[in-house]
Every structure is written in structure tokens, then in C-alpha cells.
Amino acid sequence: MDAIQCLKTRRCVRSYKPEPIDRAIIEDIVDCGRLAASAINIQPWQFIAVVDPETRKKMAAIADHGKFIADAACCIAIFCEKVKYYLEDGAAATQNILLAAHAHGLGACWVAGDKKEYAAEIRELLGLPDTYVLVSMIPMGAPEHVPSPVKKPLSEVLHFDHF
């Protein structure tokens, strides 16, 4: 898939078919996250690919807006060390993973982690030390349905030289 097409056609998918994802595809998707831009090249991230259905069910029960995590074939949890720009770095990795999943024909959705009340509970469930903070969770799988939300036209959001 062409990069521009990938960027323009990716959508948040919250319903998945019950099909597993090949481990090599998961590794390729996370590798794209690993290669994201990072302030001062610190690369503060750790990625947990949760393929165990019971663990995903526990994650879904904990996350207030992520109940569909239980139905995904995999959920990538992105954690970052608490460095100055952890949120920007983790967000860049998250976006790369979303785009890589789409390029592989998978549906995925960004589930918030940073500053959520459940973040520490997810971190503990997945066994990370408290020097890491949950930035996001990305459930993914073969899409059952791909929504087509209306996006604002470019003319409403692009300004040259001043607002």
C-alpha cells in the first residue's frame, strides 16, 4: 500500500473477526513502532503484544473505553519510561503502529492510556516496573467493519501564514 493512501484511508476499527494474526506480522508492526521519531533519540518505549485471550479480557475489563480489546486478536500496549517527552515519543510510536496495522490489512484502534485511572493497573497486569507509564493500547485484528466517519474538509483546518 502506498504511504499516502495508507495515511488517508486508515480508520479506527473496533470490531474484529475471530482470526489470529501471524507472529511475523505482529513483529513487523511493532518494528514500525520501534522506528518512530523520538526526542533526542532516547527511544523510551517498551511494547507488549498481548495475544493471550484471558489477558486481553482482563485488559478490556479494566479499560473504561476499551471493552473491544477482548475481541481483538492482539493488543499492543505501548509503555514509555518517564522521560521529558515520553508522551510525544509514545504517541509517535502509536501512530506508526496504527498505520503499519492498516498497511497489513488489519483494523486497529487507539485506546488511551496516559493519565487514565486504569493505567497503573494495566502496567501491573503486564508486569512492567513503575518506571514505565502506559501511553496507549492498540487492539487489532481482521476488521469486521470499517467505519467511514465524516472528516472536516481541508479548507476548514488549513491556514497559510495566519489564522
C-alpha atoms as a PDB file:
ATOM      1  CA  MET A   1       0.000   0.000   0.000  1.00  0.00           C
ATOM      2  CA  ASP A   2       1.263   3.467  -0.907  1.00  0.00           C
ATOM      3  CA  ALA A   3       2.134   5.619   2.148  1.00  0.00           C
ATOM      4  CA  ILE A   4      -0.245   8.449   1.226  1.00  0.00           C
ATOM      5  CA  GLN A   5      -3.097   6.005   0.612  1.00  0.00           C
ATOM      6  CA  CYS A   6      -2.355   4.378   3.970  1.00  0.00           C
ATOM      7  CA  LEU A   7      -2.493   7.730   5.751  1.00  0.00           C
ATOM      8  CA  LYS A   8      -5.704   8.807   4.025  1.00  0.00           C
ATOM      9  CA  THR A   9      -7.640   5.535   4.424  1.00  0.00           C
ATOM     10  CA  ARG A  10      -6.782   4.414   7.981  1.00  0.00           C
ATOM     11  CA  ARG A  11      -9.787   4.402  10.306  1.00  0.00           C
ATOM     12  CA  CYS A  12     -10.375   3.298  13.887  1.00  0.00           C
ATOM     13  CA  VAL A  13     -11.765  -0.231  13.871  1.00  0.00           C
ATOM     14  CA  ARG A  14     -13.456  -1.596  16.986  1.00  0.00           C
ATOM     15  CA  SER A  15     -14.922  -4.873  15.714  1.00  0.00           C
ATOM     16  CA  TYR A  16     -12.845  -7.848  14.627  1.00  0.00           C
ATOM     17  CA  LYS A  17     -13.270 -11.251  13.054  1.00  0.00           C
ATOM     18  CA  PRO A  18     -12.087 -14.184  15.186  1.00  0.00           C
ATOM     19  CA  GLU A  19      -8.886 -14.750  13.189  1.00  0.00           C
ATOM     20  CA  PRO A  20      -5.369 -14.905  14.655  1.00  0.00           C
ATOM     21  CA  ILE A  21      -2.552 -12.665  13.441  1.00  0.00           C
ATOM     22  CA  ASP A  22       0.681 -14.313  12.349  1.00  0.00           C
ATOM     23  CA  ARG A  23       3.520 -13.601  14.799  1.00  0.00           C
ATOM     24  CA  ALA A  24       5.760 -12.294  11.992  1.00  0.00           C
ATOM     25  CA  ILE A  25       3.128  -9.670  11.135  1.00  0.00           C
ATOM     26  CA  ILE A  26       2.882  -8.588  14.785  1.00  0.00           C
ATOM     27  CA  GLU A  27       6.671  -8.304  14.902  1.00  0.00           C
ATOM     28  CA  ASP A  28       6.723  -6.225  11.700  1.00  0.00           C
ATOM     29  CA  ILE A  29       4.011  -3.905  13.024  1.00  0.00           C
ATOM     30  CA  VAL A  30       5.817  -3.361  16.327  1.00  0.00           C
ATOM     31  CA  ASP A  31       9.098  -2.888  14.466  1.00  0.00           C
ATOM     32  CA  CYS A  32       7.442   0.067  12.714  1.00  0.00           C
ATOM     33  CA  GLY A  33       6.582   1.471  16.147  1.00  0.00           C
ATOM     34  CA  ARG A  34      10.155   0.948  17.318  1.00  0.00           C
ATOM     35  CA  LEU A  35      11.404   3.035  14.397  1.00  0.00           C
ATOM     36  CA  ALA A  36       9.238   6.075  15.238  1.00  0.00           C
ATOM     37  CA  ALA A  37      10.695   9.506  15.840  1.00  0.00           C
ATOM     38  CA  SER A  38      11.940  10.019  19.389  1.00  0.00           C
ATOM     39  CA  ALA A  39      13.148  13.183  21.132  1.00  0.00           C
ATOM     40  CA  ILE A  40      16.935  13.093  21.439  1.00  0.00           C
ATOM     41  CA  ASN A  41      16.659   9.512  20.111  1.00  0.00           C
ATOM     42  CA  ILE A  42      16.041   8.248  23.658  1.00  0.00           C
ATOM     43  CA  GLN A  43      13.577   5.591  22.427  1.00  0.00           C
ATOM     44  CA  PRO A  44      11.932   5.225  25.857  1.00  0.00           C
ATOM     45  CA  TRP A  45       9.415   2.589  24.769  1.00  0.00           C
ATOM     46  CA  GLN A  46       8.583  -0.991  25.527  1.00  0.00           C
ATOM     47  CA  PHE A  47       5.885  -2.855  23.606  1.00  0.00           C
ATOM     48  CA  ILE A  48       3.828  -5.728  24.978  1.00  0.00           C
ATOM     49  CA  ALA A  49       1.994  -7.783  22.339  1.00  0.00           C
ATOM     50  CA  VAL A  50      -0.881  -9.382  24.215  1.00  0.00           C
ATOM     51  CA  VAL A  51      -2.162 -12.398  22.293  1.00  0.00           C
ATOM     52  CA  ASP A  52      -3.451 -14.381  25.279  1.00  0.00           C
ATOM     53  CA  PRO A  53      -7.268 -14.112  25.252  1.00  0.00           C
ATOM     54  CA  GLU A  54      -7.589 -14.192  29.055  1.00  0.00           C
ATOM     55  CA  THR A  55      -5.144 -11.312  29.494  1.00  0.00           C
ATOM     56  CA  ARG A  56      -6.960  -9.289  26.812  1.00  0.00           C
ATOM     57  CA  LYS A  57     -10.258  -9.931  28.633  1.00  0.00           C
ATOM     58  CA  LYS A  58      -8.703  -8.587  31.841  1.00  0.00           C
ATOM     59  CA  MET A  59      -7.407  -5.524  29.991  1.00  0.00           C
ATOM     60  CA  ALA A  60     -10.864  -4.926  28.493  1.00  0.00           C
ATOM     61  CA  ALA A  61     -12.468  -5.166  31.918  1.00  0.00           C
ATOM     62  CA  ILE A  62     -10.020  -2.599  33.310  1.00  0.00           C
ATOM     63  CA  ALA A  63     -10.149  -0.045  30.454  1.00  0.00           C
ATOM     64  CA  ASP A  64     -13.228   2.176  30.602  1.00  0.00           C
ATOM     65  CA  HIS A  65     -13.469   2.716  26.822  1.00  0.00           C
ATOM     66  CA  GLY A  66     -11.700  -0.405  25.574  1.00  0.00           C
ATOM     67  CA  LYS A  67     -14.167  -3.241  26.011  1.00  0.00           C
ATOM     68  CA  PHE A  68     -13.474  -4.363  22.420  1.00  0.00           C
ATOM     69  CA  ILE A  69      -9.885  -5.259  23.423  1.00  0.00           C
ATOM     70  CA  ALA A  70     -11.295  -8.651  24.446  1.00  0.00           C
ATOM     71  CA  ASP A  71     -12.410  -9.363  20.855  1.00  0.00           C
ATOM     72  CA  ALA A  72      -9.140  -8.384  19.153  1.00  0.00           C
ATOM     73  CA  ALA A  73      -6.613 -10.989  18.017  1.00  0.00           C
ATOM     74  CA  CYS A  74      -3.806  -8.948  19.596  1.00  0.00           C
ATOM     75  CA  CYS A  75      -3.450  -5.818  21.677  1.00  0.00           C
ATOM     76  CA  ILE A  76      -0.189  -3.891  21.616  1.00  0.00           C
ATOM     77  CA  ALA A  77       0.400  -1.955  24.832  1.00  0.00           C
ATOM     78  CA  ILE A  78       2.867   0.919  24.459  1.00  0.00           C
ATOM     79  CA  PHE A  79       4.757   1.940  27.570  1.00  0.00           C
ATOM     80  CA  CYS A  80       7.443   4.592  27.931  1.00  0.00           C
ATOM     81  CA  GLU A  81       9.968   5.425  30.587  1.00  0.00           C
ATOM     82  CA  LYS A  82       9.061   8.633  32.390  1.00  0.00           C
ATOM     83  CA  VAL A  83      11.417  10.882  30.420  1.00  0.00           C
ATOM     84  CA  LYS A  84      10.672  14.501  29.476  1.00  0.00           C
ATOM     85  CA  TYR A  85       8.996  13.753  26.128  1.00  0.00           C
ATOM     86  CA  TYR A  86       7.587  10.285  26.835  1.00  0.00           C
ATOM     87  CA  LEU A  87       4.104  11.219  25.638  1.00  0.00           C
ATOM     88  CA  GLU A  88       5.243  12.623  22.297  1.00  0.00           C
ATOM     89  CA  ASP A  89       7.546   9.638  21.747  1.00  0.00           C
ATOM     90  CA  GLY A  90       4.866   7.120  22.695  1.00  0.00           C
ATOM     91  CA  ALA A  91       2.289   8.891  20.505  1.00  0.00           C
ATOM     92  CA  ALA A  92       4.644   8.741  17.519  1.00  0.00           C
ATOM     93  CA  ALA A  93       5.170   5.007  18.076  1.00  0.00           C
ATOM     94  CA  THR A  94       1.414   4.519  18.464  1.00  0.00           C
ATOM     95  CA  GLN A  95       0.656   6.257  15.159  1.00  0.00           C
ATOM     96  CA  ASN A  96       3.308   4.190  13.368  1.00  0.00           C
ATOM     97  CA  ILE A  97       1.740   1.003  14.733  1.00  0.00           C
ATOM     98  CA  LEU A  98      -1.755   2.077  13.651  1.00  0.00           C
ATOM     99  CA  LEU A  99      -0.509   2.783  10.134  1.00  0.00           C
ATOM    100  CA  ALA A 100       1.506  -0.449   9.935  1.00  0.00           C
ATOM    101  CA  ALA A 101      -1.525  -2.474  11.039  1.00  0.00           C
ATOM    102  CA  HIS A 102      -3.602  -0.821   8.302  1.00  0.00           C
ATOM    103  CA  ALA A 103      -0.887  -1.485   5.719  1.00  0.00           C
ATOM    104  CA  HIS A 104      -1.077  -5.171   6.706  1.00  0.00           C
ATOM    105  CA  GLY A 105      -4.851  -5.143   6.137  1.00  0.00           C
ATOM    106  CA  LEU A 106      -5.727  -5.174   9.830  1.00  0.00           C
ATOM    107  CA  GLY A 107      -8.136  -2.982  11.714  1.00  0.00           C
ATOM    108  CA  ALA A 108      -6.876  -1.215  14.841  1.00  0.00           C
ATOM    109  CA  CYS A 109      -7.895   1.472  17.302  1.00  0.00           C
ATOM    110  CA  TRP A 110      -6.033   3.808  19.666  1.00  0.00           C
ATOM    111  CA  VAL A 111      -7.190   3.264  23.258  1.00  0.00           C
ATOM    112  CA  ALA A 112      -5.958   5.930  25.670  1.00  0.00           C
ATOM    113  CA  GLY A 113      -3.539   5.047  28.415  1.00  0.00           C
ATOM    114  CA  ASP A 114      -1.694   8.140  29.572  1.00  0.00           C
ATOM    115  CA  LYS A 115      -3.332   9.875  32.525  1.00  0.00           C
ATOM    116  CA  LYS A 116      -6.133   7.285  32.669  1.00  0.00           C
ATOM    117  CA  GLU A 117      -7.054   5.989  36.124  1.00  0.00           C
ATOM    118  CA  TYR A 118      -6.552   2.405  34.939  1.00  0.00           C
ATOM    119  CA  ALA A 119      -3.009   2.947  33.550  1.00  0.00           C
ATOM    120  CA  ALA A 120      -1.199   1.651  36.646  1.00  0.00           C
ATOM    121  CA  GLU A 121      -3.448  -1.418  36.812  1.00  0.00           C
ATOM    122  CA  ILE A 122      -2.668  -2.292  33.174  1.00  0.00           C
ATOM    123  CA  ARG A 123       1.063  -1.770  33.859  1.00  0.00           C
ATOM    124  CA  GLU A 124       0.883  -4.113  36.859  1.00  0.00           C
ATOM    125  CA  LEU A 125      -1.148  -6.709  34.928  1.00  0.00           C
ATOM    126  CA  LEU A 126       1.519  -6.786  32.210  1.00  0.00           C
ATOM    127  CA  GLY A 127       4.421  -6.838  34.668  1.00  0.00           C
ATOM    128  CA  LEU A 128       6.258  -3.595  33.927  1.00  0.00           C
ATOM    129  CA  PRO A 129       8.152  -1.728  36.652  1.00  0.00           C
ATOM    130  CA  ASP A 130       6.708   1.579  37.878  1.00  0.00           C
ATOM    131  CA  THR A 131       9.383   3.499  35.963  1.00  0.00           C
ATOM    132  CA  TYR A 132       7.168   2.993  32.887  1.00  0.00           C
ATOM    133  CA  VAL A 133       3.872   4.676  32.074  1.00  0.00           C
ATOM    134  CA  LEU A 134       1.151   3.347  29.777  1.00  0.00           C
ATOM    135  CA  VAL A 135       0.821   5.614  26.740  1.00  0.00           C
ATOM    136  CA  SER A 136      -1.710   3.634  24.706  1.00  0.00           C
ATOM    137  CA  MET A 137      -3.194   0.272  23.849  1.00  0.00           C
ATOM    138  CA  ILE A 138      -3.873  -0.795  20.281  1.00  0.00           C
ATOM    139  CA  PRO A 139      -6.270  -3.701  19.820  1.00  0.00           C
ATOM    140  CA  MET A 140      -6.062  -5.088  16.300  1.00  0.00           C
ATOM    141  CA  GLY A 141      -7.398  -7.856  14.119  1.00  0.00           C
ATOM    142  CA  ALA A 142      -9.082  -8.687  10.850  1.00  0.00           C
ATOM    143  CA  PRO A 143     -11.731  -5.977  10.557  1.00  0.00           C
ATOM    144  CA  GLU A 144     -15.362  -6.987  10.907  1.00  0.00           C
ATOM    145  CA  HIS A 145     -16.492  -3.495   9.919  1.00  0.00           C
ATOM    146  CA  VAL A 146     -14.531  -0.388   8.864  1.00  0.00           C
ATOM    147  CA  PRO A 147     -16.380   2.828   9.679  1.00  0.00           C
ATOM    148  CA  SER A 148     -16.405   5.843   7.361  1.00  0.00           C
ATOM    149  CA  PRO A 149     -16.595   8.887   9.638  1.00  0.00           C
ATOM    150  CA  VAL A 150     -17.004  12.284   8.034  1.00  0.00           C
ATOM    151  CA  LYS A 151     -13.780  14.258   8.241  1.00  0.00           C
ATOM    152  CA  LYS A 152     -13.575  18.040   8.187  1.00  0.00           C
ATOM    153  CA  PRO A 153     -12.579  19.398   4.763  1.00  0.00           C
ATOM    154  CA  LEU A 154      -9.036  20.689   4.379  1.00  0.00           C
ATOM    155  CA  SER A 155     -10.389  24.185   3.755  1.00  0.00           C
ATOM    156  CA  GLU A 156     -11.716  24.295   7.351  1.00  0.00           C
ATOM    157  CA  VAL A 157      -8.445  23.362   9.025  1.00  0.00           C
ATOM    158  CA  LEU A 158      -5.580  24.624   6.846  1.00  0.00           C
ATOM    159  CA  HIS A 159      -4.413  28.235   7.101  1.00  0.00           C
ATOM    160  CA  PHE A 160      -1.416  29.863   5.432  1.00  0.00           C
ATOM    161  CA  ASP A 161       0.663  32.465   7.255  1.00  0.00           C
ATOM    162  CA  HIS A 162      -2.014  33.274   9.910  1.00  0.00           C
ATOM    163  CA  PHE A 163      -5.369  32.095  11.235  1.00  0.00           C
END
